[in-house]
Amino acid sequence: MLDAVLALGVQTWSTDVAAVDRFWRAADALGYARITYGDGLWDFTHDGWTMLGALAAVTRRARIGPAVTYAFDPAAHHPSWLAKRAVAVDHLSGGRLDLRVAIGAEDAAARAAWERHGIRYPSGEARVAAVGEALAIVRALWRGESVSTDGPVFRLRAARLAPAPLQRPGPPLWIAAMRPRALALVARLADGWEASYVTPQEFAVLSARLDGLLERGGRRPRDVRRSVELDVAVVESGGEREWWTRRFCAERALGPGDPLLRTALIGDAGAVVARLVEYETAGATDLMLGFVDFPATTMLERLAAATLRPESARDR
């Protein structure tokens, strides 16, 4: 069992409301520690914050939050609205919200996806600075302060926010980051850090880099939780493994040597658990898993049987 040492979470993005409802309920009952839903203007999600309200209503134990949300421009999420929406979900969930924020991908496709909606997508350096500015505002509003700022991106005049979040001084802030400037932002103000689609060895290098940044800033490495976003397929035979590997590659247009394939956890329960332990050894406290057979719950249940205690056992 891994529930005492490594927290396992699940990520969902589907626009099939009935399917995500079933999946959320199953993950919560099986004992997964976190459940997230994607945010953004993509065609594979509904509005993320609306969906988080629904997620709060159908779960009882798991911590919840956006897979990531965005605050690099007022038109993506203004920090006042972001703080307000987060407070609502924190109350709806009974204090189970984690606010997870992304800097945004550094590629032309990501830029085009935002700009076709008329939302600025500045340089990576500017996005990091804007996210730092936004999160400082969010935290101050959660603390009940009167916020006035003339920042480069956001301008507030004696702004206050009520009601306050249930979690005090506010929900934990996670930042998804891979590049040096973004990691430095994590070290400065985040409660949690998430990397995406890296091997255990790559994660260990990034985690050690974060340790150094934290120590130079006067923070303890153990103050920041560390998560990895991964795809997973828990299979029961060699034939099933081959079939899911082919499907995984076809759906994502991956070649045989694609780096994403190297990070996918595809194997029987024993092999997947062994890989999870490698990430734990590399410094991970959490894993956020995208199950490739969604909307089915078969693989969700297989991994839970190998790693987690079911709801009935936890309640004894």
Protein backbone atom coordinates (compact mmCIF):
# COMPACT_ATOMS: atom_id res chain seq x y z
CA MET A 1 0.00 0.00 0.00
CA LEU A 2 1.24 3.51 -0.89
CA ASP A 3 -1.36 5.70 0.80
CA ALA A 4 0.90 6.45 3.78
CA VAL A 5 3.86 7.61 1.71
CA LEU A 6 2.81 8.71 -1.77
CA ALA A 7 -0.49 10.45 -2.53
CA LEU A 8 -2.14 9.30 -5.76
CA GLY A 9 -4.48 11.62 -7.63
CA VAL A 10 -6.41 11.52 -10.88
CA GLN A 11 -6.85 14.12 -13.62
CA THR A 12 -9.97 14.49 -15.78
CA TRP A 13 -10.76 16.71 -18.79
CA SER A 14 -13.78 15.22 -20.57
CA THR A 15 -16.85 17.15 -21.71
CA ASP A 16 -19.03 14.06 -20.98
CA VAL A 17 -20.62 15.24 -17.73
CA ALA A 18 -22.15 11.87 -16.84
CA ALA A 19 -18.84 10.13 -17.39
CA VAL A 20 -16.80 12.49 -15.23
CA ASP A 21 -19.45 12.33 -12.51
CA ARG A 22 -19.14 8.52 -12.38
CA PHE A 23 -15.36 8.69 -12.48
CA TRP A 24 -15.12 11.34 -9.73
CA ARG A 25 -17.39 9.36 -7.43
CA ALA A 26 -15.41 6.17 -8.02
CA ALA A 27 -12.03 7.82 -7.44
CA ASP A 28 -13.25 9.42 -4.21
CA ALA A 29 -14.69 6.15 -2.88
CA LEU A 30 -11.57 4.19 -3.83
CA GLY A 31 -9.36 6.50 -1.76
CA TYR A 32 -7.51 8.61 -4.31
CA ALA A 33 -6.07 11.64 -2.54
CA ARG A 34 -6.72 14.26 -5.23
CA ILE A 35 -9.06 14.75 -8.18
CA THR A 36 -8.61 17.56 -10.70
CA TYR A 37 -10.45 18.84 -13.75
CA GLY A 38 -8.87 20.82 -16.57
CA ASP A 39 -9.40 24.54 -17.14
CA GLY A 40 -9.02 26.61 -20.28
CA LEU A 41 -10.68 27.33 -23.60
CA TRP A 42 -9.83 23.93 -25.08
CA ASP A 43 -12.40 21.77 -26.87
CA PHE A 44 -11.87 18.85 -24.45
CA THR A 45 -13.11 20.67 -21.31
CA HIS A 46 -16.11 22.55 -20.07
CA ASP A 47 -15.48 25.68 -18.00
CA GLY A 48 -13.13 24.40 -15.33
CA TRP A 49 -14.38 26.42 -12.37
CA THR A 50 -18.03 25.56 -13.03
CA MET A 51 -17.06 21.89 -13.15
CA LEU A 52 -15.12 22.19 -9.89
CA GLY A 53 -18.34 23.22 -8.18
CA ALA A 54 -19.90 19.98 -9.39
CA LEU A 55 -16.81 18.00 -8.35
CA ALA A 56 -17.06 19.46 -4.84
CA ALA A 57 -20.67 18.34 -4.59
CA VAL A 58 -20.12 14.68 -5.56
CA THR A 59 -16.96 13.94 -3.52
CA ARG A 60 -16.37 13.81 0.22
CA ARG A 61 -12.70 13.06 0.89
CA ALA A 62 -10.41 13.81 -2.04
CA ARG A 63 -8.76 17.19 -2.35
CA ILE A 64 -9.90 18.87 -5.54
CA GLY A 65 -8.80 21.63 -7.87
CA PRO A 66 -8.07 22.61 -11.43
CA ALA A 67 -5.55 20.40 -13.19
CA VAL A 68 -4.12 23.86 -13.81
CA THR A 69 -5.70 27.26 -14.22
CA TYR A 70 -4.24 30.41 -15.75
CA ALA A 71 -3.55 33.95 -14.48
CA PHE A 72 -0.98 35.45 -16.87
CA ASP A 73 -3.43 38.06 -18.19
CA PRO A 74 -6.61 39.68 -16.85
CA ALA A 75 -8.59 38.07 -19.66
CA ALA A 76 -7.36 34.58 -18.75
CA HIS A 77 -8.36 34.89 -15.07
CA HIS A 78 -8.22 38.20 -13.24
CA PRO A 79 -6.79 37.52 -9.76
CA SER A 80 -9.83 39.02 -8.04
CA TRP A 81 -12.16 36.66 -9.90
CA LEU A 82 -9.75 33.77 -9.41
CA ALA A 83 -9.67 34.39 -5.66
CA LYS A 84 -13.47 34.69 -5.54
CA ARG A 85 -14.08 31.48 -7.51
CA ALA A 86 -11.55 29.62 -5.39
CA VAL A 87 -13.32 30.73 -2.19
CA ALA A 88 -16.64 29.42 -3.55
CA VAL A 89 -15.16 26.01 -4.36
CA ASP A 90 -13.35 25.93 -1.02
CA HIS A 91 -16.70 26.42 0.75
CA LEU A 92 -18.55 23.96 -1.49
CA SER A 93 -15.93 21.28 -0.81
CA GLY A 94 -15.67 21.87 2.93
CA GLY A 95 -12.11 23.17 2.65
CA ARG A 96 -10.67 20.66 0.16
CA LEU A 97 -9.47 23.00 -2.60
CA ASP A 98 -5.92 23.20 -3.95
CA LEU A 99 -5.36 26.10 -6.38
CA ARG A 100 -3.09 24.81 -9.13
CA VAL A 101 -1.73 27.39 -11.58
CA ALA A 102 0.27 27.00 -14.79
CA ILE A 103 2.67 29.35 -16.53
CA GLY A 104 1.57 28.00 -19.92
CA ALA A 105 3.31 25.99 -22.61
CA GLU A 106 6.14 27.59 -24.57
CA ASP A 107 5.03 26.84 -28.12
CA ALA A 108 3.30 28.45 -31.07
CA ALA A 109 0.19 26.27 -30.77
CA ALA A 110 -0.45 27.36 -27.18
CA ARG A 111 0.02 31.00 -28.13
CA ALA A 112 -2.39 30.68 -31.07
CA ALA A 113 -5.02 28.94 -28.92
CA TRP A 114 -5.19 31.93 -26.56
CA GLU A 115 -4.74 34.68 -29.11
CA ARG A 116 -7.56 33.50 -31.35
CA HIS A 117 -9.83 34.37 -28.40
CA GLY A 118 -8.25 37.81 -28.13
CA ILE A 119 -6.23 36.91 -25.00
CA ARG A 120 -2.63 38.09 -24.91
CA TYR A 121 0.00 35.37 -24.58
CA PRO A 122 3.21 37.18 -23.62
CA SER A 123 6.71 35.73 -23.44
CA GLY A 124 7.56 33.06 -20.91
CA GLU A 125 9.42 35.55 -18.73
CA ALA A 126 6.43 37.91 -18.76
CA ARG A 127 4.00 35.10 -17.97
CA VAL A 128 6.07 34.03 -14.96
CA ALA A 129 6.11 37.60 -13.66
CA ALA A 130 2.36 38.01 -14.22
CA VAL A 131 1.54 34.76 -12.40
CA GLY A 132 3.68 35.85 -9.46
CA GLU A 133 1.88 39.19 -9.39
CA ALA A 134 -1.54 37.51 -9.60
CA LEU A 135 -0.86 34.99 -6.84
CA ALA A 136 0.39 37.69 -4.48
CA ILE A 137 -2.93 39.49 -5.02
CA VAL A 138 -4.95 36.30 -4.53
CA ARG A 139 -3.25 35.55 -1.23
CA ALA A 140 -3.69 39.11 0.05
CA LEU A 141 -7.40 39.04 -0.82
CA TRP A 142 -7.80 35.70 0.95
CA ARG A 143 -6.19 37.22 4.05
CA GLY A 144 -8.84 39.94 4.04
CA GLU A 145 -6.44 42.76 3.21
CA SER A 146 -7.30 45.91 1.32
CA VAL A 147 -5.31 45.53 -1.90
CA SER A 148 -4.06 48.44 -3.96
CA THR A 149 -1.49 47.73 -6.63
CA ASP A 150 -0.13 49.33 -9.78
CA GLY A 151 1.61 46.22 -11.08
CA PRO A 152 2.65 45.84 -14.68
CA VAL A 153 -0.36 43.59 -15.39
CA PHE A 154 -2.96 44.04 -12.64
CA ARG A 155 -4.22 47.27 -11.07
CA LEU A 156 -6.48 47.26 -8.00
CA ARG A 157 -7.75 50.10 -5.82
CA ALA A 158 -8.57 49.29 -2.18
CA ALA A 159 -9.99 45.93 -3.28
CA ARG A 160 -11.34 43.58 -0.62
CA LEU A 161 -12.80 40.09 -0.82
CA ALA A 162 -15.45 38.42 1.33
CA PRO A 163 -16.31 35.84 2.42
CA ALA A 164 -12.94 34.41 3.35
CA PRO A 165 -11.91 30.88 2.35
CA LEU A 166 -12.51 28.08 4.85
CA GLN A 167 -8.84 27.13 4.72
CA ARG A 168 -6.77 29.75 6.48
CA PRO A 169 -4.87 31.72 5.40
CA GLY A 170 -6.06 30.20 2.12
CA PRO A 171 -6.04 27.06 -0.04
CA PRO A 172 -2.60 25.66 -0.89
CA LEU A 173 -1.07 27.15 -4.06
CA TRP A 174 0.54 24.78 -6.55
CA ILE A 175 2.51 25.90 -9.60
CA ALA A 176 3.20 23.70 -12.61
CA ALA A 177 6.75 24.57 -13.67
CA MET A 178 9.63 23.10 -15.62
CA ARG A 179 11.87 26.00 -16.65
CA PRO A 180 14.32 27.88 -14.40
CA ARG A 181 12.34 31.12 -13.98
CA ALA A 182 9.15 29.22 -13.21
CA LEU A 183 10.96 26.98 -10.70
CA ALA A 184 12.28 30.12 -9.01
CA LEU A 185 8.68 31.33 -8.67
CA VAL A 186 7.72 28.00 -7.08
CA ALA A 187 10.57 28.37 -4.60
CA ARG A 188 9.47 31.90 -3.72
CA LEU A 189 5.77 31.42 -3.03
CA ALA A 190 4.26 27.98 -3.78
CA ASP A 191 3.06 25.29 -1.40
CA GLY A 192 3.29 22.65 -4.10
CA TRP A 193 5.11 22.08 -7.38
CA GLU A 194 4.09 19.95 -10.34
CA ALA A 195 6.20 18.63 -13.21
CA SER A 196 4.72 17.03 -16.30
CA TYR A 197 5.71 13.88 -18.17
CA VAL A 198 9.26 13.38 -16.94
CA THR A 199 11.09 10.19 -15.97
CA PRO A 200 12.03 9.57 -12.34
CA GLN A 201 15.61 10.53 -13.18
CA GLU A 202 14.54 13.80 -14.80
CA PHE A 203 12.25 14.54 -11.89
CA ALA A 204 15.09 14.00 -9.41
CA VAL A 205 17.23 16.56 -11.23
CA LEU A 206 14.42 19.15 -11.22
CA SER A 207 13.61 18.40 -7.58
CA ALA A 208 17.23 18.89 -6.54
CA ARG A 209 17.28 22.20 -8.44
CA LEU A 210 14.15 23.27 -6.54
CA ASP A 211 15.78 22.25 -3.24
CA GLY A 212 18.67 24.59 -3.96
CA LEU A 213 16.35 27.47 -4.83
CA LEU A 214 14.32 26.93 -1.66
CA GLU A 215 17.38 26.82 0.56
CA ARG A 216 18.80 29.99 -0.99
CA GLY A 217 15.47 31.70 -0.31
CA GLY A 218 15.40 30.62 3.32
CA ARG A 219 12.74 27.92 2.89
CA ARG A 220 12.96 24.22 3.78
CA PRO A 221 12.69 21.70 0.94
CA ARG A 222 10.04 19.77 2.87
CA ASP A 223 7.79 22.85 2.85
CA VAL A 224 6.86 22.26 -0.82
CA ARG A 225 5.00 19.16 -1.98
CA ARG A 226 6.11 17.71 -5.32
CA SER A 227 3.88 16.15 -7.94
CA VAL A 228 4.31 14.54 -11.35
CA GLU A 229 1.64 14.42 -14.07
CA LEU A 230 1.66 11.05 -15.87
CA ASP A 231 -0.44 8.77 -18.09
CA VAL A 232 -1.17 5.28 -16.79
CA ALA A 233 -2.53 2.00 -18.14
CA VAL A 234 -2.83 -0.88 -15.66
CA VAL A 235 -3.11 -4.09 -17.69
CA GLU A 236 -3.44 -7.79 -16.88
CA SER A 237 -1.69 -9.47 -19.83
CA GLY A 238 1.01 -8.95 -22.40
CA GLY A 239 -1.59 -8.77 -25.13
CA GLU A 240 -3.52 -6.09 -23.28
CA ARG A 241 -0.31 -4.14 -22.76
CA GLU A 242 0.48 -4.19 -26.49
CA TRP A 243 -3.06 -3.14 -27.40
CA TRP A 244 -3.08 -0.16 -25.01
CA THR A 245 0.41 0.87 -26.06
CA ARG A 246 -0.67 0.97 -29.70
CA ARG A 247 -3.84 2.88 -28.83
CA PHE A 248 -1.95 5.33 -26.61
CA CYS A 249 0.55 6.06 -29.41
CA ALA A 250 -2.16 6.36 -32.05
CA GLU A 251 -4.32 8.75 -30.02
CA ARG A 252 -1.35 11.04 -29.33
CA ALA A 253 0.43 10.56 -32.68
CA LEU A 254 3.57 9.26 -30.96
CA GLY A 255 6.49 7.53 -32.65
CA PRO A 256 8.33 4.60 -31.01
CA GLY A 257 10.95 6.81 -29.34
CA ASP A 258 8.72 9.69 -28.30
CA PRO A 259 9.66 11.05 -24.83
CA LEU A 260 6.01 10.93 -23.72
CA LEU A 261 5.95 7.16 -24.26
CA ARG A 262 8.97 6.81 -21.96
CA THR A 263 7.03 8.35 -19.09
CA ALA A 264 3.74 6.48 -19.56
CA LEU A 265 3.09 3.87 -16.86
CA ILE A 266 1.91 0.92 -18.95
CA GLY A 267 2.11 -2.52 -17.35
CA ASP A 268 0.58 -4.84 -14.81
CA ALA A 269 -0.16 -3.58 -11.31
CA GLY A 270 3.18 -4.77 -9.95
CA ALA A 271 5.17 -3.04 -12.66
CA VAL A 272 3.20 0.20 -12.31
CA VAL A 273 3.62 0.21 -8.52
CA ALA A 274 7.36 -0.36 -8.92
CA ARG A 275 7.49 2.68 -11.19
CA LEU A 276 5.52 4.73 -8.66
CA VAL A 277 8.12 3.85 -6.05
CA GLU A 278 10.84 5.16 -8.39
CA TYR A 279 9.10 8.53 -8.46
CA GLU A 280 8.76 8.52 -4.70
CA THR A 281 12.48 7.78 -4.37
CA ALA A 282 13.17 10.68 -6.74
CA GLY A 283 11.36 13.04 -4.36
CA ALA A 284 7.69 12.97 -5.42
CA THR A 285 5.05 13.31 -2.71
CA ASP A 286 2.13 13.13 -5.17
CA LEU A 287 1.35 11.68 -8.58
CA MET A 288 -1.46 12.99 -10.78
CA LEU A 289 -2.57 10.21 -13.11
CA GLY A 290 -4.50 10.29 -16.36
CA PHE A 291 -6.02 6.83 -16.90
CA VAL A 292 -6.01 5.92 -20.56
CA ASP A 293 -9.22 3.86 -20.44
CA PHE A 294 -11.37 6.79 -19.25
CA PRO A 295 -14.40 6.90 -19.04
CA ALA A 296 -14.14 3.31 -17.83
CA THR A 297 -13.03 2.87 -14.21
CA THR A 298 -11.34 -0.51 -14.74
CA MET A 299 -7.75 0.74 -14.49
CA LEU A 300 -8.66 3.18 -11.74
CA GLU A 301 -9.93 0.20 -9.73
CA ARG A 302 -6.96 -2.03 -10.58
CA LEU A 303 -4.43 0.49 -9.31
CA ALA A 304 -6.50 1.22 -6.21
CA ALA A 305 -6.61 -2.49 -5.38
CA ALA A 306 -2.81 -2.60 -5.48
CA THR A 307 -2.12 0.65 -3.63
CA LEU A 308 -5.04 2.11 -1.68
CA ARG A 309 -7.45 1.21 1.08
CA PRO A 310 -11.10 1.36 -0.01
CA GLU A 311 -13.58 3.70 1.65
CA SER A 312 -15.15 0.94 3.77
CA ALA A 313 -11.74 0.02 5.26
CA ARG A 314 -10.81 3.63 6.02
CA ASP A 315 -14.08 4.17 7.89
CA ARG A 316 -13.53 1.34 10.37
